[in-house]
Amino acid sequence: MSLGFRPTLTLISTMTTFSLSYVPCFRTGSSSTDNGDPPSVWSFKIYSAFTSTKITRTTMYAALPLAGVNGTTLVERTMIPTQKQFVDPFRQGLIIMDGVGYRQTVVVRSYEVGTDKTATLISIMNLLQETALNHVWMSGLLGDGFGATRGMTRNNLIWVVTRMQVEVDQYPIWGEILEIDTWVSASGKNGMRRDWEIRSHDTGIVFARATSTWVMMNEKTRRLSKIPDEVREEISPWFIHNQTIKEESPEKINKLDDNAKYINSGLQPKRSDLDMNHHVNNVKYVGWMLEAVPDECLENYQLSNIVLEYRKECGSSDVVQSLCEPEELGIIQDGVQGGTDVNYINGCSIGIGGGGLLNCLMNEGTIRFTHGLQVKEGSKCQEIVRGKTTWKKRNNRYTFCG
């Protein structure tokens, strides 16, 4: 029996932002037709609130049958569009911003929240990554790599992130419906910047903003590469100048060593931590960094800002060490008074050693940490990531209305 099918999608060709509802239409029948062809499985009717919207139709081919062994049928399950799509009913995605941005509607799942019923930072960063990949998917440029265009695939190139920043004003709660917008712009001669905005679908309140910088790496040599002309021609029409987080001069992140106050050693990648490019996914690094944050901070504070500088790949056999150092906020007054080792930070008297420094900073309402991930290669330590995090006191627990 042939397993191929061709779902027909009704697509919107206008660039105007609008709301859509999708109604699946099923056709009942046997598993195959009299002539051996598969039945029509489904189609989607798309309704728009704007009568001026122009409707066109296009066909995407999916689940094409391949020759099997011993009478079985193998199925090619990839459904990568070869042309630009304007709406994706399966992913609740739309092309916006005059045809170059992307918007996706998602629901916060139960497995994406923590003990306080709010989405975790890891979940938010995974959503950022997913919407970025879906943006490339909708562009019609996607090759067979992890977000790589067809031109990148021909040149054995992949994307690697060099810097990322996420600002969170408010964490979404379980079951909340989110809209995530993302777009890209140029970053220097051989980089690309990607920005995101996460907001409530119901109220429009912005929950979080994020920005990142990406460069290309040769998948075989693992060396950074310039952007080939054919790849630049593919991606440059999608560039717009719109920054959700503006930084005139990025803050310097200092390197940490084994003298850091908090250290978590023996972290090692698992098979499940490797992505389609066969390296540890950048979101995994964030989880390792947060492992070294002290419990008293996690229990009483919520992360409001994170800045990451990715410096080196992590291999599947590397053993990682997570370093964390609390940062002294405010003006540190000079000198040691009365012959005792006491610093005065924001009016707090801090004894040297013990938990005095952290406790004082927590009383001030905001805590900052410097982070580092490193692996040992022989007698030397190689940095993987540097980071900074800012934490603010938690709000009251969220309640759910029926």
Protein backbone atom coordinates (compact mmCIF):
# COMPACT_ATOMS: atom_id res chain seq x y z
CA MET A 1 0.00 0.00 0.00
CA SER A 2 1.32 3.41 -0.90
CA LEU A 3 1.74 5.72 2.09
CA GLY A 4 2.23 8.97 0.21
CA PHE A 5 -0.23 11.83 0.54
CA ARG A 6 -0.45 15.42 -0.58
CA PRO A 7 -2.13 17.76 1.90
CA THR A 8 -3.35 20.94 0.26
CA LEU A 9 -2.86 24.14 2.21
CA THR A 10 -4.72 27.38 1.61
CA LEU A 11 -2.13 30.12 2.02
CA ILE A 12 -2.37 33.85 2.60
CA SER A 13 -0.30 35.96 0.21
CA THR A 14 -0.79 39.30 1.92
CA MET A 15 1.89 40.71 4.26
CA THR A 16 -0.61 42.36 6.60
CA THR A 17 -0.74 41.16 10.22
CA PHE A 18 -4.03 39.47 10.97
CA SER A 19 -5.58 36.76 13.10
CA LEU A 20 -6.48 33.38 11.62
CA SER A 21 -8.49 30.36 12.64
CA TYR A 22 -7.83 26.93 11.18
CA VAL A 23 -10.56 24.35 10.69
CA PRO A 24 -9.35 20.84 9.78
CA CYS A 25 -11.46 19.08 7.17
CA PHE A 26 -11.30 15.28 7.24
CA ARG A 27 -12.38 12.95 4.48
CA THR A 28 -13.50 9.54 5.66
CA GLY A 29 -12.87 6.39 3.70
CA SER A 30 -10.76 3.26 3.47
CA SER A 31 -7.00 3.22 3.86
CA SER A 32 -6.54 3.20 0.09
CA THR A 33 -8.56 3.93 -3.06
CA ASP A 34 -9.57 1.41 -5.71
CA ASN A 35 -6.61 2.31 -7.91
CA GLY A 36 -4.16 1.93 -5.05
CA ASP A 37 -3.62 5.63 -4.44
CA PRO A 38 -4.02 6.90 -0.88
CA PRO A 39 -7.12 8.87 0.04
CA SER A 40 -6.99 12.59 0.73
CA VAL A 41 -6.07 12.88 4.39
CA TRP A 42 -6.86 16.47 5.26
CA SER A 43 -7.00 20.03 4.14
CA PHE A 44 -7.33 23.30 6.05
CA LYS A 45 -9.78 26.12 5.58
CA ILE A 46 -8.37 29.40 6.78
CA TYR A 47 -10.65 32.21 7.87
CA SER A 48 -9.52 35.81 8.18
CA ALA A 49 -11.27 38.76 9.74
CA PHE A 50 -10.19 41.02 6.89
CA THR A 51 -12.22 40.81 3.68
CA SER A 52 -9.41 42.46 1.71
CA THR A 53 -7.04 39.55 2.32
CA LYS A 54 -5.94 37.91 -0.89
CA ILE A 55 -6.18 34.11 -0.87
CA THR A 56 -4.03 31.87 -3.02
CA ARG A 57 -3.53 28.13 -3.06
CA THR A 58 -0.39 26.11 -3.18
CA THR A 59 0.44 22.46 -2.63
CA MET A 60 3.11 21.06 -0.31
CA TYR A 61 4.18 17.47 -0.81
CA ALA A 62 4.73 15.31 2.23
CA ALA A 63 5.44 11.69 3.20
CA LEU A 64 6.68 10.59 -0.22
CA PRO A 65 7.01 6.76 -0.38
CA LEU A 66 10.42 5.14 -0.87
CA ALA A 67 11.29 1.60 -1.87
CA GLY A 68 11.32 -0.76 1.11
CA VAL A 69 12.78 -4.14 2.01
CA ASN A 70 10.88 -7.44 2.19
CA GLY A 71 7.67 -5.85 1.07
CA THR A 72 7.73 -3.03 3.60
CA THR A 73 7.50 0.63 2.66
CA LEU A 74 9.90 3.27 3.92
CA VAL A 75 8.57 6.79 4.26
CA GLU A 76 10.43 10.06 3.74
CA ARG A 77 8.77 12.18 6.42
CA THR A 78 10.41 15.54 5.71
CA MET A 79 8.08 18.33 4.57
CA ILE A 80 10.57 21.13 3.88
CA PRO A 81 8.98 23.84 1.70
CA THR A 82 10.95 24.73 -1.40
CA GLN A 83 9.20 28.08 -1.79
CA LYS A 84 8.40 30.87 0.62
CA GLN A 85 5.29 30.18 2.70
CA PHE A 86 3.15 32.88 4.31
CA VAL A 87 1.23 30.82 6.84
CA ASP A 88 1.87 27.49 8.53
CA PRO A 89 -1.32 26.14 10.15
CA PHE A 90 0.53 23.19 11.67
CA ARG A 91 2.88 25.42 13.67
CA GLN A 92 0.49 28.38 14.04
CA GLY A 93 3.05 30.51 12.21
CA LEU A 94 2.77 33.61 10.01
CA ILE A 95 5.12 35.70 7.92
CA ILE A 96 4.84 39.35 9.11
CA MET A 97 6.74 42.66 8.90
CA ASP A 98 6.20 43.19 5.18
CA GLY A 99 7.16 39.63 4.39
CA VAL A 100 10.44 39.21 6.29
CA GLY A 101 9.54 38.62 9.97
CA TYR A 102 7.93 35.60 11.56
CA ARG A 103 5.28 35.19 14.27
CA GLN A 104 4.37 31.98 16.03
CA THR A 105 1.62 31.34 18.55
CA VAL A 106 2.46 28.81 21.27
CA VAL A 107 0.95 27.55 24.52
CA VAL A 108 3.10 27.09 27.63
CA ARG A 109 3.09 23.34 28.31
CA SER A 110 3.16 21.65 31.70
CA TYR A 111 6.65 20.26 31.09
CA GLU A 112 7.96 23.78 30.34
CA VAL A 113 7.27 25.23 33.79
CA GLY A 114 9.02 24.94 37.13
CA THR A 115 7.81 24.60 40.70
CA ASP A 116 6.30 28.10 40.65
CA LYS A 117 4.18 27.21 37.57
CA THR A 118 6.03 29.72 35.38
CA ALA A 119 8.02 28.90 32.27
CA THR A 120 11.70 28.25 32.97
CA LEU A 121 14.47 30.17 31.25
CA ILE A 122 15.51 26.95 29.50
CA SER A 123 11.98 26.58 28.10
CA ILE A 124 12.00 30.18 26.89
CA MET A 125 15.34 29.72 25.15
CA ASN A 126 14.13 26.53 23.51
CA LEU A 127 11.12 28.46 22.19
CA LEU A 128 13.45 31.13 20.81
CA GLN A 129 15.45 28.48 18.99
CA GLU A 130 12.36 26.74 17.65
CA THR A 131 10.82 29.93 16.24
CA ALA A 132 14.13 30.87 14.62
CA LEU A 133 14.30 27.51 12.85
CA ASN A 134 10.65 27.75 11.80
CA HIS A 135 11.36 31.20 10.37
CA VAL A 136 14.00 29.67 8.07
CA TRP A 137 11.58 26.83 7.30
CA MET A 138 8.93 29.29 6.14
CA SER A 139 11.45 31.20 4.03
CA GLY A 140 11.76 28.32 1.58
CA LEU A 141 15.56 28.48 1.95
CA LEU A 142 16.05 25.61 4.38
CA GLY A 143 18.50 22.91 3.37
CA ASP A 144 18.96 19.68 5.29
CA GLY A 145 20.94 21.25 8.13
CA PHE A 146 19.93 22.71 11.49
CA GLY A 147 18.68 26.08 10.25
CA ALA A 148 21.14 26.10 7.34
CA THR A 149 20.05 27.42 3.95
CA ARG A 150 20.49 25.41 0.78
CA GLY A 151 23.53 27.49 -0.14
CA MET A 152 25.05 26.81 3.27
CA THR A 153 24.43 23.09 2.85
CA ARG A 154 26.23 23.10 -0.50
CA ASN A 155 29.21 24.80 1.18
CA ASN A 156 29.19 22.56 4.30
CA LEU A 157 28.36 25.54 6.51
CA ILE A 158 26.36 25.68 9.74
CA TRP A 159 25.27 28.50 12.05
CA VAL A 160 26.94 28.95 15.45
CA VAL A 161 25.92 31.51 18.03
CA THR A 162 28.62 33.79 19.45
CA ARG A 163 26.58 36.01 21.75
CA MET A 164 23.10 36.03 23.21
CA GLN A 165 21.11 38.18 25.62
CA VAL A 166 17.67 37.54 27.09
CA GLU A 167 15.72 40.06 29.17
CA VAL A 168 12.68 38.80 31.07
CA ASP A 169 10.19 41.26 32.56
CA GLN A 170 7.65 38.62 33.50
CA TYR A 171 7.62 34.85 33.13
CA PRO A 172 4.62 33.29 31.35
CA ILE A 173 2.55 30.85 33.37
CA TRP A 174 1.38 27.35 32.56
CA GLY A 175 -1.33 27.36 29.89
CA GLU A 176 -0.67 30.94 28.81
CA ILE A 177 -0.85 31.67 25.08
CA LEU A 178 2.19 33.47 23.70
CA GLU A 179 3.06 35.27 20.49
CA ILE A 180 6.73 35.14 19.56
CA ASP A 181 8.03 37.47 16.85
CA THR A 182 11.49 37.03 15.33
CA TRP A 183 13.49 38.69 12.56
CA VAL A 184 17.08 38.99 11.34
CA SER A 185 19.53 41.71 10.37
CA ALA A 186 23.17 42.00 9.37
CA SER A 187 25.89 42.03 12.04
CA GLY A 188 29.17 43.30 10.61
CA LYS A 189 30.49 41.81 7.38
CA ASN A 190 30.19 38.13 8.23
CA GLY A 191 27.59 37.86 10.95
CA MET A 192 23.85 37.86 11.39
CA ARG A 193 21.79 39.22 14.25
CA ARG A 194 18.49 37.65 15.28
CA ASP A 195 16.00 39.31 17.62
CA TRP A 196 12.86 38.07 19.37
CA GLU A 197 9.94 39.49 21.30
CA ILE A 198 7.65 37.36 23.47
CA ARG A 199 4.29 38.76 24.55
CA SER A 200 0.88 37.70 25.78
CA HIS A 201 -1.52 36.75 23.01
CA ASP A 202 -4.45 38.06 25.07
CA THR A 203 -3.12 41.35 26.48
CA GLY A 204 -0.14 42.20 24.26
CA ILE A 205 2.08 42.67 27.34
CA VAL A 206 5.71 42.00 26.47
CA PHE A 207 7.15 39.27 28.66
CA ALA A 208 10.66 38.98 27.26
CA ARG A 209 13.06 40.26 24.61
CA ALA A 210 16.15 38.58 23.21
CA THR A 211 18.93 39.21 20.74
CA SER A 212 21.75 37.07 19.39
CA THR A 213 24.71 37.14 17.02
CA TRP A 214 25.52 34.25 14.67
CA VAL A 215 28.43 33.37 12.40
CA MET A 216 29.08 30.52 10.00
CA MET A 217 31.29 27.52 10.67
CA ASN A 218 32.53 24.86 8.27
CA GLU A 219 30.95 21.65 9.48
CA LYS A 220 33.92 19.54 8.44
CA THR A 221 36.88 21.70 9.49
CA ARG A 222 35.04 23.29 12.49
CA ARG A 223 36.56 26.66 11.52
CA LEU A 224 34.69 29.93 11.18
CA SER A 225 33.91 30.98 7.63
CA LYS A 226 33.08 34.09 5.67
CA ILE A 227 29.59 34.28 4.20
CA PRO A 228 29.75 33.06 0.58
CA ASP A 229 28.14 35.29 -2.03
CA GLU A 230 25.40 32.79 -2.83
CA VAL A 231 24.45 32.55 0.85
CA ARG A 232 24.48 36.34 1.22
CA GLU A 233 22.10 36.57 -1.73
CA GLU A 234 19.78 34.10 0.01
CA ILE A 235 19.59 35.76 3.41
CA SER A 236 20.11 39.49 2.77
CA PRO A 237 16.54 40.09 1.41
CA TRP A 238 15.28 39.06 4.87
CA PHE A 239 17.34 41.64 6.76
CA ILE A 240 15.59 44.54 8.52
CA HIS A 241 16.99 47.09 10.94
CA ASN A 242 14.98 46.59 14.11
CA GLN A 243 16.61 45.93 17.48
CA THR A 244 14.57 44.74 20.42
CA ILE A 245 17.53 45.18 22.81
CA LYS A 246 19.84 48.10 22.07
CA GLU A 247 23.39 48.02 23.37
CA GLU A 248 25.78 50.81 22.52
CA SER A 249 28.78 49.10 24.12
CA PRO A 250 28.45 45.51 25.39
CA GLU A 251 29.53 45.04 28.97
CA LYS A 252 32.79 43.17 29.44
CA ILE A 253 32.53 39.74 31.05
CA ASN A 254 35.57 38.78 33.09
CA LYS A 255 37.16 35.35 32.95
CA LEU A 256 36.73 33.16 36.04
CA ASP A 257 39.14 30.56 37.35
CA ASP A 258 39.20 27.87 40.05
CA ASN A 259 39.06 30.56 42.73
CA ALA A 260 35.39 31.29 41.95
CA LYS A 261 33.12 31.17 45.00
CA TYR A 262 30.74 28.54 43.58
CA ILE A 263 31.95 25.62 41.46
CA ASN A 264 30.07 22.65 40.06
CA SER A 265 32.35 20.05 38.49
CA GLY A 266 31.92 16.81 36.60
CA LEU A 267 29.28 18.00 34.14
CA GLN A 268 29.36 15.88 30.98
CA PRO A 269 27.24 15.96 27.82
CA LYS A 270 24.79 13.16 27.22
CA ARG A 271 23.75 11.82 23.85
CA SER A 272 20.47 13.71 24.19
CA ASP A 273 22.41 17.00 24.51
CA LEU A 274 23.72 16.80 20.92
CA ASP A 275 21.80 18.58 18.17
CA MET A 276 21.59 17.90 14.43
CA ASN A 277 24.97 19.56 13.93
CA HIS A 278 26.53 16.97 16.29
CA HIS A 279 27.56 19.46 18.94
CA VAL A 280 26.18 20.36 22.34
CA ASN A 281 23.25 22.71 21.89
CA ASN A 282 23.77 26.24 23.21
CA VAL A 283 20.72 25.99 25.48
CA LYS A 284 22.39 23.14 27.35
CA TYR A 285 25.22 25.49 28.33
CA VAL A 286 22.73 27.73 30.10
CA GLY A 287 21.50 24.83 32.20
CA TRP A 288 25.08 24.03 33.23
CA MET A 289 25.73 27.65 34.17
CA LEU A 290 22.69 27.81 36.41
CA GLU A 291 23.75 24.60 38.19
CA ALA A 292 26.35 26.62 40.11
CA VAL A 293 23.92 29.31 41.34
CA PRO A 294 23.35 28.90 45.11
CA ASP A 295 20.01 27.50 46.26
CA GLU A 296 19.13 30.56 48.38
CA CYS A 297 19.18 32.68 45.24
CA LEU A 298 17.05 30.28 43.19
CA GLU A 299 14.45 30.03 45.95
CA ASN A 300 13.96 33.76 46.48
CA TYR A 301 15.01 35.37 43.22
CA GLN A 302 14.09 35.17 39.56
CA LEU A 303 16.48 35.63 36.67
CA SER A 304 15.72 38.86 34.82
CA ASN A 305 18.68 39.19 32.45
CA ILE A 306 21.31 36.87 31.03
CA VAL A 307 24.20 37.67 28.68
CA LEU A 308 26.21 34.86 27.11
CA GLU A 309 29.45 34.84 25.13
CA TYR A 310 30.09 31.52 23.42
CA ARG A 311 33.82 30.96 22.92
CA LYS A 312 34.40 27.29 22.09
CA GLU A 313 32.55 24.13 21.16
CA CYS A 314 32.01 21.42 23.71
CA GLY A 315 32.63 17.84 22.60
CA SER A 316 30.67 14.78 23.65
CA SER A 317 33.61 13.47 25.71
CA ASP A 318 34.44 16.76 27.47
CA VAL A 319 33.99 17.11 31.22
CA VAL A 320 32.70 20.60 32.07
CA GLN A 321 33.19 22.75 35.13
CA SER A 322 30.66 25.49 35.96
CA LEU A 323 32.00 28.55 37.78
CA CYS A 324 29.94 31.26 39.47
CA GLU A 325 31.01 34.43 41.28
CA PRO A 326 28.65 36.95 42.96
CA GLU A 327 29.21 40.48 41.74
CA GLU A 328 29.49 43.41 44.10
CA LEU A 329 26.89 46.03 43.21
CA GLY A 330 27.16 49.72 43.90
CA ILE A 331 30.19 51.74 44.95
CA ILE A 332 32.79 49.99 47.07
CA GLN A 333 34.26 52.49 49.49
CA ASP A 334 38.00 52.55 49.77
CA GLY A 335 40.12 51.17 52.53
CA VAL A 336 40.01 48.87 55.49
CA GLN A 337 38.69 50.71 58.53
CA GLY A 338 39.91 50.15 62.05
CA GLY A 339 42.29 47.43 60.96
CA THR A 340 39.47 44.96 60.27
CA ASP A 341 38.82 43.33 56.91
CA VAL A 342 35.41 44.85 56.21
CA ASN A 343 34.06 46.34 52.97
CA TYR A 344 31.08 48.66 52.86
CA ILE A 345 28.89 48.00 49.83
CA ASN A 346 25.71 50.02 49.48
CA GLY A 347 25.75 50.60 53.21
CA CYS A 348 26.09 46.89 54.04
CA SER A 349 28.79 45.69 56.36
CA ILE A 350 30.24 42.55 54.81
CA GLY A 351 32.57 40.25 56.63
CA ILE A 352 35.20 38.57 54.51
CA GLY A 353 34.44 34.91 53.95
CA GLY A 354 31.32 32.90 54.74
CA GLY A 355 28.01 33.89 53.15
CA GLY A 356 28.21 37.54 54.12
CA LEU A 357 28.67 38.93 50.63
CA LEU A 358 25.78 37.00 49.09
CA ASN A 359 23.45 37.69 51.99
CA CYS A 360 24.15 41.40 51.80
CA LEU A 361 23.57 41.52 48.06
CA MET A 362 20.29 39.62 48.45
CA ASN A 363 19.09 42.20 50.94
CA GLU A 364 19.60 44.89 48.31
CA GLY A 365 16.91 43.35 46.06
CA THR A 366 19.13 42.62 43.04
CA ILE A 367 21.90 40.06 42.64
CA ARG A 368 24.36 39.71 39.78
CA PHE A 369 26.66 36.80 39.03
CA THR A 370 29.54 36.28 36.64
CA HIS A 371 29.63 32.78 35.15
CA GLY A 372 32.04 30.60 33.27
CA LEU A 373 32.08 27.15 31.72
CA GLN A 374 35.39 25.46 31.07
CA VAL A 375 36.87 22.12 30.11
CA LYS A 376 40.31 20.82 30.94
CA GLU A 377 42.61 19.93 28.08
CA GLY A 378 45.75 18.50 29.60
CA SER A 379 47.03 20.91 32.22
CA LYS A 380 45.11 23.87 30.78
CA CYS A 381 41.49 24.96 31.03
CA GLN A 382 39.66 26.04 27.88
CA GLU A 383 36.68 28.39 28.15
CA ILE A 384 33.40 27.38 26.55
CA VAL A 385 31.12 30.20 27.68
CA ARG A 386 31.28 33.39 29.71
CA GLY A 387 28.12 34.86 31.14
CA LYS A 388 26.45 37.39 33.39
CA THR A 389 23.10 37.02 35.10
CA THR A 390 20.93 39.52 36.97
CA TRP A 391 18.34 38.33 39.49
CA LYS A 392 15.43 40.18 41.10
CA LYS A 393 13.26 39.26 44.03
CA ARG A 394 10.37 37.00 43.14
CA ASN A 395 6.85 38.39 42.94
CA ASN A 396 3.95 36.77 44.73
CA ARG A 397 3.01 33.32 43.56
CA TYR A 398 0.76 33.25 40.53
CA THR A 399 -2.87 32.23 40.82
CA PHE A 400 -5.04 30.64 38.17
CA CYS A 401 -8.53 31.87 37.41
CA GLY A 402 -11.23 29.46 36.34
